[in-house]
């Protein structure tokens, strides 16, 4: 007579690393740092469209600042570094798009 042992859901799923699911829950809650990086990158890429690059940079910096204030991101070092990178990319987008907007005015001086 053979006895089968029921398999645990946690051992069958390679994505789940903890027994109670807290780690996967933290991964799902930290989307703001990734959004901040994406918006910062878009603001740098669209600097030549004067208003768009500036607005995307501001939104990226705000998303990064909001992400760093969340406890799930503050506890995770990688997520907090991504949020900081999003703030830096947003600030770079603001700076570059402001410089691109002021360049034609400076050329007339």
PDB file of N, CA and C in Angstrom:
ATOM      1  N   UNK A   1       0.832  -1.164   0.000  1.00  0.00           N
ATOM      2  CA  UNK A   1       0.000   0.000   0.000  1.00  0.00           C
ATOM      3  C   UNK A   1       0.891   1.248   0.000  1.00  0.00           C
ATOM      4  N   UNK A   2       0.673   2.165  -0.947  1.00  0.00           N
ATOM      5  CA  UNK A   2       1.451   3.403  -1.026  1.00  0.00           C
ATOM      6  C   UNK A   2       0.639   4.564  -0.473  1.00  0.00           C
ATOM      7  N   UNK A   3       1.353   5.404   0.212  1.00  0.00           N
ATOM      8  CA  UNK A   3       0.717   6.579   0.787  1.00  0.00           C
ATOM      9  C   UNK A   3       1.252   7.809   0.064  1.00  0.00           C
ATOM     10  N   UNK A   4       0.355   8.660  -0.373  1.00  0.00           N
ATOM     11  CA  UNK A   4       0.790   9.893  -1.042  1.00  0.00           C
ATOM     12  C   UNK A   4       0.721  11.044  -0.051  1.00  0.00           C
ATOM     13  N   UNK A   5       1.732  11.840  -0.110  1.00  0.00           N
ATOM     14  CA  UNK A   5       1.811  12.999   0.767  1.00  0.00           C
ATOM     15  C   UNK A   5       1.332  14.217  -0.031  1.00  0.00           C
ATOM     16  N   UNK A   6       0.408  14.978   0.522  1.00  0.00           N
ATOM     17  CA  UNK A   6      -0.038  16.155  -0.225  1.00  0.00           C
ATOM     18  C   UNK A   6       1.103  17.163  -0.378  1.00  0.00           C
ATOM     19  N   UNK A   7       1.186  17.736  -1.546  1.00  0.00           N
ATOM     20  CA  UNK A   7       2.257  18.673  -1.837  1.00  0.00           C
ATOM     21  C   UNK A   7       1.851  20.073  -1.387  1.00  0.00           C
ATOM     22  N   UNK A   8       2.803  20.790  -0.884  1.00  0.00           N
ATOM     23  CA  UNK A   8       2.564  22.150  -0.424  1.00  0.00           C
ATOM     24  C   UNK A   8       2.571  23.103  -1.607  1.00  0.00           C
ATOM     25  N   UNK A   9       1.735  24.101  -1.566  1.00  0.00           N
ATOM     26  CA  UNK A   9       1.702  25.090  -2.635  1.00  0.00           C
ATOM     27  C   UNK A   9       2.972  25.927  -2.663  1.00  0.00           C
ATOM     28  N   UNK A  10       3.580  26.125  -1.509  1.00  0.00           N
ATOM     29  CA  UNK A  10       4.765  26.977  -1.427  1.00  0.00           C
ATOM     30  C   UNK A  10       6.003  26.299  -1.996  1.00  0.00           C
ATOM     31  N   UNK A  11       6.091  24.999  -1.941  1.00  0.00           N
ATOM     32  CA  UNK A  11       7.268  24.327  -2.487  1.00  0.00           C
ATOM     33  C   UNK A  11       7.137  24.123  -3.980  1.00  0.00           C
ATOM     34  N   UNK A  12       5.918  24.136  -4.516  1.00  0.00           N
ATOM     35  CA  UNK A  12       5.724  23.942  -5.943  1.00  0.00           C
ATOM     36  C   UNK A  12       5.907  25.232  -6.738  1.00  0.00           C
ATOM     37  N   UNK A  13       5.722  26.347  -6.107  1.00  0.00           N
ATOM     38  CA  UNK A  13       5.802  27.633  -6.788  1.00  0.00           C
ATOM     39  C   UNK A  13       7.183  28.251  -6.565  1.00  0.00           C
ATOM     40  N   UNK A  14       8.027  28.314  -7.601  1.00  0.00           N
ATOM     41  CA  UNK A  14       9.368  28.866  -7.393  1.00  0.00           C
ATOM     42  C   UNK A  14       9.367  30.372  -7.171  1.00  0.00           C
ATOM     43  N   UNK A  15       8.290  31.060  -7.530  1.00  0.00           N
ATOM     44  CA  UNK A  15       8.245  32.506  -7.332  1.00  0.00           C
ATOM     45  C   UNK A  15       8.020  32.867  -5.871  1.00  0.00           C
ATOM     46  N   UNK A  16       7.391  31.991  -5.135  1.00  0.00           N
ATOM     47  CA  UNK A  16       7.083  32.271  -3.737  1.00  0.00           C
ATOM     48  C   UNK A  16       8.268  31.854  -2.883  1.00  0.00           C
ATOM     49  N   UNK A  17       8.867  32.804  -2.190  1.00  0.00           N
ATOM     50  CA  UNK A  17      10.077  32.499  -1.436  1.00  0.00           C
ATOM     51  C   UNK A  17       9.830  32.392   0.061  1.00  0.00           C
ATOM     52  N   UNK A  18       8.679  32.814   0.535  1.00  0.00           N
ATOM     53  CA  UNK A  18       8.412  32.751   1.963  1.00  0.00           C
ATOM     54  C   UNK A  18       7.192  31.889   2.229  1.00  0.00           C
ATOM     55  N   UNK A  19       7.078  31.450   3.461  1.00  0.00           N
ATOM     56  CA  UNK A  19       5.972  30.578   3.804  1.00  0.00           C
ATOM     57  C   UNK A  19       4.658  31.323   3.956  1.00  0.00           C
ATOM     58  N   UNK A  20       4.695  32.554   4.386  1.00  0.00           N
ATOM     59  CA  UNK A  20       3.447  33.270   4.595  1.00  0.00           C
ATOM     60  C   UNK A  20       3.138  34.264   3.489  1.00  0.00           C
ATOM     61  N   UNK A  21       3.954  34.412   2.497  1.00  0.00           N
ATOM     62  CA  UNK A  21       3.667  35.252   1.346  1.00  0.00           C
ATOM     63  C   UNK A  21       3.984  36.718   1.532  1.00  0.00           C
ATOM     64  N   UNK A  22       4.698  37.098   2.584  1.00  0.00           N
ATOM     65  CA  UNK A  22       5.001  38.511   2.801  1.00  0.00           C
ATOM     66  C   UNK A  22       5.949  39.057   1.749  1.00  0.00           C
ATOM     67  N   UNK A  23       6.894  38.260   1.300  1.00  0.00           N
ATOM     68  CA  UNK A  23       7.871  38.731   0.324  1.00  0.00           C
ATOM     69  C   UNK A  23       7.206  39.021  -1.019  1.00  0.00           C
ATOM     70  N   UNK A  24       6.297  38.147  -1.470  1.00  0.00           N
ATOM     71  CA  UNK A  24       5.636  38.409  -2.738  1.00  0.00           C
ATOM     72  C   UNK A  24       4.690  39.589  -2.608  1.00  0.00           C
ATOM     73  N   UNK A  25       4.128  39.820  -1.449  1.00  0.00           N
ATOM     74  CA  UNK A  25       3.257  40.961  -1.234  1.00  0.00           C
ATOM     75  C   UNK A  25       4.055  42.260  -1.323  1.00  0.00           C
ATOM     76  N   UNK A  26       5.278  42.282  -0.802  1.00  0.00           N
ATOM     77  CA  UNK A  26       6.128  43.469  -0.880  1.00  0.00           C
ATOM     78  C   UNK A  26       6.502  43.781  -2.320  1.00  0.00           C
ATOM     79  N   UNK A  27       6.722  42.745  -3.128  1.00  0.00           N
ATOM     80  CA  UNK A  27       7.101  42.965  -4.509  1.00  0.00           C
ATOM     81  C   UNK A  27       5.963  43.599  -5.294  1.00  0.00           C
ATOM     82  N   UNK A  28       4.727  43.260  -4.977  1.00  0.00           N
ATOM     83  CA  UNK A  28       3.592  43.805  -5.699  1.00  0.00           C
ATOM     84  C   UNK A  28       3.271  45.232  -5.273  1.00  0.00           C
ATOM     85  N   UNK A  29       3.652  45.634  -4.085  1.00  0.00           N
ATOM     86  CA  UNK A  29       3.312  46.954  -3.602  1.00  0.00           C
ATOM     87  C   UNK A  29       4.315  48.022  -4.007  1.00  0.00           C
ATOM     88  N   UNK A  30       5.438  47.658  -4.538  1.00  0.00           N
ATOM     89  CA  UNK A  30       6.474  48.644  -4.857  1.00  0.00           C
ATOM     90  C   UNK A  30       6.537  48.912  -6.359  1.00  0.00           C
ATOM     91  N   UNK A  31       5.465  49.457  -6.909  1.00  0.00           N
ATOM     92  CA  UNK A  31       5.444  49.805  -8.334  1.00  0.00           C
ATOM     93  C   UNK A  31       5.782  51.272  -8.560  1.00  0.00           C
ATOM     94  N   UNK A  32       5.688  52.088  -7.529  1.00  0.00           N
ATOM     95  CA  UNK A  32       5.998  53.509  -7.686  1.00  0.00           C
ATOM     96  C   UNK A  32       7.456  53.772  -8.064  1.00  0.00           C
ATOM     97  N   UNK A  33       8.431  53.056  -7.509  1.00  0.00           N
ATOM     98  CA  UNK A  33       9.814  53.307  -7.959  1.00  0.00           C
ATOM     99  C   UNK A  33      10.022  53.030  -9.444  1.00  0.00           C
ATOM    100  N   UNK A  34       9.424  51.962  -9.937  1.00  0.00           N
ATOM    101  CA  UNK A  34       9.552  51.653 -11.367  1.00  0.00           C
ATOM    102  C   UNK A  34       8.851  52.699 -12.218  1.00  0.00           C
ATOM    103  N   UNK A  35       7.701  53.180 -11.759  1.00  0.00           N
ATOM    104  CA  UNK A  35       6.996  54.239 -12.489  1.00  0.00           C
ATOM    105  C   UNK A  35       7.809  55.525 -12.478  1.00  0.00           C
ATOM    106  N   UNK A  36       8.470  55.794 -11.377  1.00  0.00           N
ATOM    107  CA  UNK A  36       9.293  56.993 -11.276  1.00  0.00           C
ATOM    108  C   UNK A  36      10.466  56.938 -12.252  1.00  0.00           C
ATOM    109  N   UNK A  37      11.106  55.793 -12.352  1.00  0.00           N
ATOM    110  CA  UNK A  37      12.214  55.638 -13.306  1.00  0.00           C
ATOM    111  C   UNK A  37      11.713  55.783 -14.736  1.00  0.00           C
ATOM    112  N   UNK A  38      10.577  55.160 -15.041  1.00  0.00           N
ATOM    113  CA  UNK A  38      10.035  55.228 -16.395  1.00  0.00           C
ATOM    114  C   UNK A  38       9.666  56.663 -16.776  1.00  0.00           C
ATOM    115  N   UNK A  39       9.015  57.372 -15.866  1.00  0.00           N
ATOM    116  CA  UNK A  39       8.641  58.757 -16.156  1.00  0.00           C
ATOM    117  C   UNK A  39       9.863  59.663 -16.257  1.00  0.00           C
ATOM    118  N   UNK A  40      10.864  59.418 -15.427  1.00  0.00           N
ATOM    119  CA  UNK A  40      12.097  60.196 -15.516  1.00  0.00           C
ATOM    120  C   UNK A  40      12.819  59.974 -16.831  1.00  0.00           C
ATOM    121  N   UNK A  41      12.836  58.731 -17.275  1.00  0.00           N
ATOM    122  CA  UNK A  41      13.463  58.411 -18.555  1.00  0.00           C
ATOM    123  C   UNK A  41      12.708  59.069 -19.710  1.00  0.00           C
ATOM    124  N   UNK A  42      11.381  59.018 -19.641  1.00  0.00           N
ATOM    125  CA  UNK A  42      10.580  59.677 -20.673  1.00  0.00           C
ATOM    126  C   UNK A  42      10.772  61.189 -20.667  1.00  0.00           C
ATOM    127  N   UNK A  43      10.956  61.762 -19.481  1.00  0.00           N
ATOM    128  CA  UNK A  43      11.161  63.210 -19.431  1.00  0.00           C
ATOM    129  C   UNK A  43      12.497  63.600 -20.055  1.00  0.00           C
ATOM    130  N   UNK A  44      13.502  62.759 -19.874  1.00  0.00           N
ATOM    131  CA  UNK A  44      14.795  63.030 -20.522  1.00  0.00           C
ATOM    132  C   UNK A  44      14.686  62.835 -22.027  1.00  0.00           C
ATOM    133  N   UNK A  45      13.942  61.815 -22.443  1.00  0.00           N
ATOM    134  CA  UNK A  45      13.821  61.523 -23.871  1.00  0.00           C
ATOM    135  C   UNK A  45      12.985  62.566 -24.610  1.00  0.00           C
ATOM    136  N   UNK A  46      12.050  63.198 -23.909  1.00  0.00           N
ATOM    137  CA  UNK A  46      11.173  64.166 -24.562  1.00  0.00           C
ATOM    138  C   UNK A  46      11.508  65.600 -24.168  1.00  0.00           C
ATOM    139  N   UNK A  47      12.763  65.881 -23.910  1.00  0.00           N
ATOM    140  CA  UNK A  47      13.161  67.231 -23.503  1.00  0.00           C
ATOM    141  C   UNK A  47      12.904  68.252 -24.591  1.00  0.00           C
ATOM    142  N   UNK A  48      12.929  67.833 -25.837  1.00  0.00           N
ATOM    143  CA  UNK A  48      12.760  68.757 -26.953  1.00  0.00           C
ATOM    144  C   UNK A  48      11.320  69.213 -27.113  1.00  0.00           C
ATOM    145  N   UNK A  49      10.361  68.492 -26.524  1.00  0.00           N
ATOM    146  CA  UNK A  49       8.980  68.964 -26.451  1.00  0.00           C
ATOM    147  C   UNK A  49       8.904  69.732 -25.136  1.00  0.00           C
ATOM    148  N   UNK A  50       8.900  71.034 -25.221  1.00  0.00           N
ATOM    149  CA  UNK A  50       9.201  71.899 -24.084  1.00  0.00           C
ATOM    150  C   UNK A  50       8.345  71.587 -22.858  1.00  0.00           C
ATOM    151  N   UNK A  51       7.066  71.553 -22.959  1.00  0.00           N
ATOM    152  CA  UNK A  51       6.222  71.353 -21.786  1.00  0.00           C
ATOM    153  C   UNK A  51       6.183  69.919 -21.302  1.00  0.00           C
ATOM    154  N   UNK A  52       6.223  68.969 -22.228  1.00  0.00           N
ATOM    155  CA  UNK A  52       6.062  67.563 -21.865  1.00  0.00           C
ATOM    156  C   UNK A  52       7.220  67.036 -21.024  1.00  0.00           C
ATOM    157  N   UNK A  53       8.428  67.329 -21.427  1.00  0.00           N
ATOM    158  CA  UNK A  53       9.593  66.858 -20.665  1.00  0.00           C
ATOM    159  C   UNK A  53       9.619  67.424 -19.264  1.00  0.00           C
ATOM    160  N   UNK A  54       9.230  68.682 -19.121  1.00  0.00           N
ATOM    161  CA  UNK A  54       9.204  69.331 -17.809  1.00  0.00           C
ATOM    162  C   UNK A  54       8.147  68.705 -16.903  1.00  0.00           C
ATOM    163  N   UNK A  55       6.950  68.500 -17.434  1.00  0.00           N
ATOM    164  CA  UNK A  55       5.850  67.924 -16.640  1.00  0.00           C
ATOM    165  C   UNK A  55       6.153  66.483 -16.250  1.00  0.00           C
ATOM    166  N   UNK A  56       6.689  65.695 -17.174  1.00  0.00           N
ATOM    167  CA  UNK A  56       7.040  64.309 -16.853  1.00  0.00           C
ATOM    168  C   UNK A  56       8.137  64.246 -15.793  1.00  0.00           C
ATOM    169  N   UNK A  57       9.059  65.180 -15.836  1.00  0.00           N
ATOM    170  CA  UNK A  57      10.112  65.230 -14.819  1.00  0.00           C
ATOM    171  C   UNK A  57       9.558  65.538 -13.443  1.00  0.00           C
ATOM    172  N   UNK A  58       8.608  66.454 -13.376  1.00  0.00           N
ATOM    173  CA  UNK A  58       7.984  66.777 -12.092  1.00  0.00           C
ATOM    174  C   UNK A  58       7.203  65.583 -11.550  1.00  0.00           C
ATOM    175  N   UNK A  59       6.457  64.924 -12.425  1.00  0.00           N
ATOM    176  CA  UNK A  59       5.688  63.749 -11.989  1.00  0.00           C
ATOM    177  C   UNK A  59       6.617  62.627 -11.537  1.00  0.00           C
ATOM    178  N   UNK A  60       7.735  62.447 -12.228  1.00  0.00           N
ATOM    179  CA  UNK A  60       8.706  61.421 -11.843  1.00  0.00           C
ATOM    180  C   UNK A  60       9.298  61.711 -10.472  1.00  0.00           C
ATOM    181  N   UNK A  61       9.634  62.964 -10.223  1.00  0.00           N
ATOM    182  CA  UNK A  61      10.188  63.324  -8.916  1.00  0.00           C
ATOM    183  C   UNK A  61       9.156  63.144  -7.803  1.00  0.00           C
ATOM    184  N   UNK A  62       7.905  63.470  -8.080  1.00  0.00           N
ATOM    185  CA  UNK A  62       6.850  63.292  -7.080  1.00  0.00           C
ATOM    186  C   UNK A  62       6.623  61.809  -6.802  1.00  0.00           C
ATOM    187  N   UNK A  63       6.581  60.989  -7.853  1.00  0.00           N
ATOM    188  CA  UNK A  63       6.408  59.540  -7.653  1.00  0.00           C
ATOM    189  C   UNK A  63       7.565  58.943  -6.862  1.00  0.00           C
ATOM    190  N   UNK A  64       8.770  59.382  -7.146  1.00  0.00           N
ATOM    191  CA  UNK A  64       9.926  58.889  -6.402  1.00  0.00           C
ATOM    192  C   UNK A  64       9.881  59.305  -4.943  1.00  0.00           C
ATOM    193  N   UNK A  65       9.456  60.552  -4.690  1.00  0.00           N
ATOM    194  CA  UNK A  65       9.352  61.018  -3.308  1.00  0.00           C
ATOM    195  C   UNK A  65       8.252  60.289  -2.551  1.00  0.00           C
ATOM    196  N   UNK A  66       7.135  60.047  -3.214  1.00  0.00           N
ATOM    197  CA  UNK A  66       6.066  59.275  -2.568  1.00  0.00           C
ATOM    198  C   UNK A  66       6.499  57.837  -2.291  1.00  0.00           C
ATOM    199  N   UNK A  67       7.277  57.278  -3.217  1.00  0.00           N
ATOM    200  CA  UNK A  67       7.731  55.893  -3.038  1.00  0.00           C
ATOM    201  C   UNK A  67       8.674  55.765  -1.850  1.00  0.00           C
ATOM    202  N   UNK A  68       9.531  56.767  -1.655  1.00  0.00           N
ATOM    203  CA  UNK A  68      10.473  56.666  -0.529  1.00  0.00           C
ATOM    204  C   UNK A  68       9.773  56.828   0.812  1.00  0.00           C
ATOM    205  N   UNK A  69       8.604  57.441   0.824  1.00  0.00           N
ATOM    206  CA  UNK A  69       7.885  57.617   2.089  1.00  0.00           C
ATOM    207  C   UNK A  69       7.075  56.385   2.481  1.00  0.00           C
ATOM    208  N   UNK A  70       6.900  55.448   1.589  1.00  0.00           N
ATOM    209  CA  UNK A  70       6.132  54.232   1.903  1.00  0.00           C
ATOM    210  C   UNK A  70       7.001  53.250   2.684  1.00  0.00           C
ATOM    211  N   UNK A  71       6.417  52.604   3.689  1.00  0.00           N
ATOM    212  CA  UNK A  71       7.221  51.679   4.513  1.00  0.00           C
ATOM    213  C   UNK A  71       7.685  50.437   3.750  1.00  0.00           C
ATOM    214  N   UNK A  72       6.922  49.975   2.761  1.00  0.00           N
ATOM    215  CA  UNK A  72       7.359  48.786   2.016  1.00  0.00           C
ATOM    216  C   UNK A  72       8.590  49.087   1.179  1.00  0.00           C
ATOM    217  N   UNK A  73       8.701  50.302   0.695  1.00  0.00           N
ATOM    218  CA  UNK A  73       9.872  50.694  -0.102  1.00  0.00           C
ATOM    219  C   UNK A  73      11.036  51.047   0.814  1.00  0.00           C
ATOM    220  N   UNK A  74      10.746  51.673   1.936  1.00  0.00           N
ATOM    221  CA  UNK A  74      11.818  52.065   2.858  1.00  0.00           C
ATOM    222  C   UNK A  74      12.526  50.842   3.440  1.00  0.00           C
ATOM    223  N   UNK A  75      11.811  49.744   3.616  1.00  0.00           N
ATOM    224  CA  UNK A  75      12.416  48.527   4.147  1.00  0.00           C
ATOM    225  C   UNK A  75      13.216  47.767   3.098  1.00  0.00           C
ATOM    226  N   UNK A  76      12.905  47.976   1.830  1.00  0.00           N
ATOM    227  CA  UNK A  76      13.580  47.271   0.742  1.00  0.00           C
ATOM    228  C   UNK A  76      14.637  48.192   0.127  1.00  0.00           C
ATOM    229  N   UNK A  77      15.903  47.806   0.250  1.00  0.00           N
ATOM    230  CA  UNK A  77      16.993  48.667  -0.219  1.00  0.00           C
ATOM    231  C   UNK A  77      16.961  48.862  -1.723  1.00  0.00           C
ATOM    232  N   UNK A  78      16.677  47.807  -2.465  1.00  0.00           N
ATOM    233  CA  UNK A  78      16.655  47.917  -3.927  1.00  0.00           C
ATOM    234  C   UNK A  78      15.534  48.836  -4.388  1.00  0.00           C
ATOM    235  N   UNK A  79      14.374  48.750  -3.771  1.00  0.00           N
ATOM    236  CA  UNK A  79      13.259  49.608  -4.159  1.00  0.00           C
ATOM    237  C   UNK A  79      13.532  51.064  -3.795  1.00  0.00           C
ATOM    238  N   UNK A  80      14.193  51.292  -2.665  1.00  0.00           N
ATOM    239  CA  UNK A  80      14.503  52.677  -2.298  1.00  0.00           C
ATOM    240  C   UNK A  80      15.557  53.272  -3.226  1.00  0.00           C
ATOM    241  N   UNK A  81      16.479  52.458  -3.701  1.00  0.00           N
ATOM    242  CA  UNK A  81      17.461  52.949  -4.677  1.00  0.00           C
ATOM    243  C   UNK A  81      16.808  53.238  -6.021  1.00  0.00           C
ATOM    244  N   UNK A  82      15.826  52.407  -6.406  1.00  0.00           N
ATOM    245  CA  UNK A  82      15.081  52.684  -7.640  1.00  0.00           C
ATOM    246  C   UNK A  82      14.294  53.980  -7.519  1.00  0.00           C
ATOM    247  N   UNK A  83      13.710  54.222  -6.350  1.00  0.00           N
ATOM    248  CA  UNK A  83      12.979  55.473  -6.141  1.00  0.00           C
ATOM    249  C   UNK A  83      13.929  56.669  -6.213  1.00  0.00           C
ATOM    250  N   UNK A  84      15.103  56.542  -5.637  1.00  0.00           N
ATOM    251  CA  UNK A  84      16.094  57.616  -5.708  1.00  0.00           C
ATOM    252  C   UNK A  84      16.547  57.850  -7.143  1.00  0.00           C
ATOM    253  N   UNK A  85      16.732  56.789  -7.907  1.00  0.00           N
ATOM    254  CA  UNK A  85      17.100  56.932  -9.312  1.00  0.00           C
ATOM    255  C   UNK A  85      15.987  57.627 -10.086  1.00  0.00           C
ATOM    256  N   UNK A  86      14.733  57.342  -9.743  1.00  0.00           N
ATOM    257  CA  UNK A  86      13.617  58.027 -10.392  1.00  0.00           C
ATOM    258  C   UNK A  86      13.596  59.507 -10.077  1.00  0.00           C
ATOM    259  N   UNK A  87      13.921  59.864  -8.834  1.00  0.00           N
ATOM    260  CA  UNK A  87      13.992  61.287  -8.464  1.00  0.00           C
ATOM    261  C   UNK A  87      15.111  61.976  -9.238  1.00  0.00           C
ATOM    262  N   UNK A  88      16.255  61.327  -9.338  1.00  0.00           N
ATOM    263  CA  UNK A  88      17.392  61.908 -10.062  1.00  0.00           C
ATOM    264  C   UNK A  88      17.076  62.038 -11.552  1.00  0.00           C
ATOM    265  N   UNK A  89      16.436  61.018 -12.133  1.00  0.00           N
ATOM    266  CA  UNK A  89      16.074  61.089 -13.552  1.00  0.00           C
ATOM    267  C   UNK A  89      15.037  62.181 -13.794  1.00  0.00           C
ATOM    268  N   UNK A  90      14.104  62.349 -12.869  1.00  0.00           N
ATOM    269  CA  UNK A  90      13.124  63.421 -13.002  1.00  0.00           C
ATOM    270  C   UNK A  90      13.762  64.792 -12.917  1.00  0.00           C
ATOM    271  N   UNK A  91      14.700  64.948 -11.990  1.00  0.00           N
ATOM    272  CA  UNK A  91      15.408  66.229 -11.867  1.00  0.00           C
ATOM    273  C   UNK A  91      16.247  66.508 -13.111  1.00  0.00           C
ATOM    274  N   UNK A  92      16.852  65.472 -13.666  1.00  0.00           N
ATOM    275  CA  UNK A  92      17.626  65.651 -14.900  1.00  0.00           C
ATOM    276  C   UNK A  92      16.709  66.036 -16.057  1.00  0.00           C
ATOM    277  N   UNK A  93      15.538  65.427 -16.127  1.00  0.00           N
ATOM    278  CA  UNK A  93      14.578  65.781 -17.177  1.00  0.00           C
ATOM    279  C   UNK A  93      14.098  67.210 -17.043  1.00  0.00           C
ATOM    280  N   UNK A  94      13.863  67.659 -15.806  1.00  0.00           N
ATOM    281  CA  UNK A  94      13.448  69.045 -15.573  1.00  0.00           C
ATOM    282  C   UNK A  94      14.561  69.994 -16.012  1.00  0.00           C
ATOM    283  N   UNK A  95      15.791  69.683 -15.633  1.00  0.00           N
ATOM    284  CA  UNK A  95      16.931  70.544 -15.965  1.00  0.00           C
ATOM    285  C   UNK A  95      17.174  70.619 -17.469  1.00  0.00           C
ATOM    286  N   UNK A  96      17.142  69.479 -18.120  1.00  0.00           N
ATOM    287  CA  UNK A  96      17.417  69.445 -19.558  1.00  0.00           C
ATOM    288  C   UNK A  96      16.307  70.139 -20.342  1.00  0.00           C
ATOM    289  N   UNK A  97      15.049  69.896 -19.968  1.00  0.00           N
ATOM    290  CA  UNK A  97      13.962  70.532 -20.718  1.00  0.00           C
ATOM    291  C   UNK A  97      13.904  72.034 -20.455  1.00  0.00           C
ATOM    292  N   UNK A  98      14.282  72.460 -19.246  1.00  0.00           N
ATOM    293  CA  UNK A  98      14.354  73.902 -18.980  1.00  0.00           C
ATOM    294  C   UNK A  98      15.476  74.538 -19.795  1.00  0.00           C
ATOM    295  N   UNK A  99      16.606  73.866 -19.881  1.00  0.00           N
ATOM    296  CA  UNK A  99      17.713  74.368 -20.697  1.00  0.00           C
ATOM    297  C   UNK A  99      17.345  74.429 -22.164  1.00  0.00           C
ATOM    298  N   UNK A 100      16.599  73.433 -22.643  1.00  0.00           N
ATOM    299  CA  UNK A 100      16.181  73.441 -24.048  1.00  0.00           C
ATOM    300  C   UNK A 100      15.179  74.552 -24.314  1.00  0.00           C
ATOM    301  N   UNK A 101      14.370  74.890 -23.319  1.00  0.00           N
ATOM    302  CA  UNK A 101      13.392  75.979 -23.497  1.00  0.00           C
ATOM    303  C   UNK A 101      14.079  77.335 -23.452  1.00  0.00           C
ATOM    304  N   UNK A 102      15.133  77.470 -22.633  1.00  0.00           N
ATOM    305  CA  UNK A 102      15.807  78.753 -22.502  1.00  0.00           C
ATOM    306  C   UNK A 102      16.868  78.996 -23.573  1.00  0.00           C
ATOM    307  N   UNK A 103      17.305  77.959 -24.240  1.00  0.00           N
ATOM    308  CA  UNK A 103      18.361  78.112 -25.243  1.00  0.00           C
ATOM    309  C   UNK A 103      18.005  79.074 -26.367  1.00  0.00           C
ATOM    310  N   UNK A 104      16.805  79.027 -26.960  1.00  0.00           N
ATOM    311  CA  UNK A 104      16.492  80.005 -28.012  1.00  0.00           C
ATOM    312  C   UNK A 104      16.469  81.449 -27.485  1.00  0.00           C
ATOM    313  N   UNK A 105      16.049  81.636 -26.242  1.00  0.00           N
ATOM    314  CA  UNK A 105      16.056  82.990 -25.678  1.00  0.00           C
ATOM    315  C   UNK A 105      17.479  83.494 -25.449  1.00  0.00           C
ATOM    316  N   UNK A 106      18.366  82.604 -25.034  1.00  0.00           N
ATOM    317  CA  UNK A 106      19.756  82.998 -24.816  1.00  0.00           C
ATOM    318  C   UNK A 106      20.475  83.272 -26.116  1.00  0.00           C
ATOM    319  N   UNK A 107      20.046  82.630 -27.189  1.00  0.00           N
ATOM    320  CA  UNK A 107      20.683  82.845 -28.490  1.00  0.00           C
ATOM    321  C   UNK A 107      20.376  84.237 -29.025  1.00  0.00           C
ATOM    322  N   UNK A 108      19.248  84.821 -28.626  1.00  0.00           N
ATOM    323  CA  UNK A 108      18.887  86.154 -29.095  1.00  0.00           C
ATOM    324  C   UNK A 108      19.619  87.250 -28.337  1.00  0.00           C
ATOM    325  N   UNK A 109      20.184  86.951 -27.190  1.00  0.00           N
ATOM    326  CA  UNK A 109      20.887  87.980 -26.417  1.00  0.00           C
ATOM    327  C   UNK A 109      22.182  88.324 -27.031  1.00  0.00           C
TER     328      UNK A 109
END
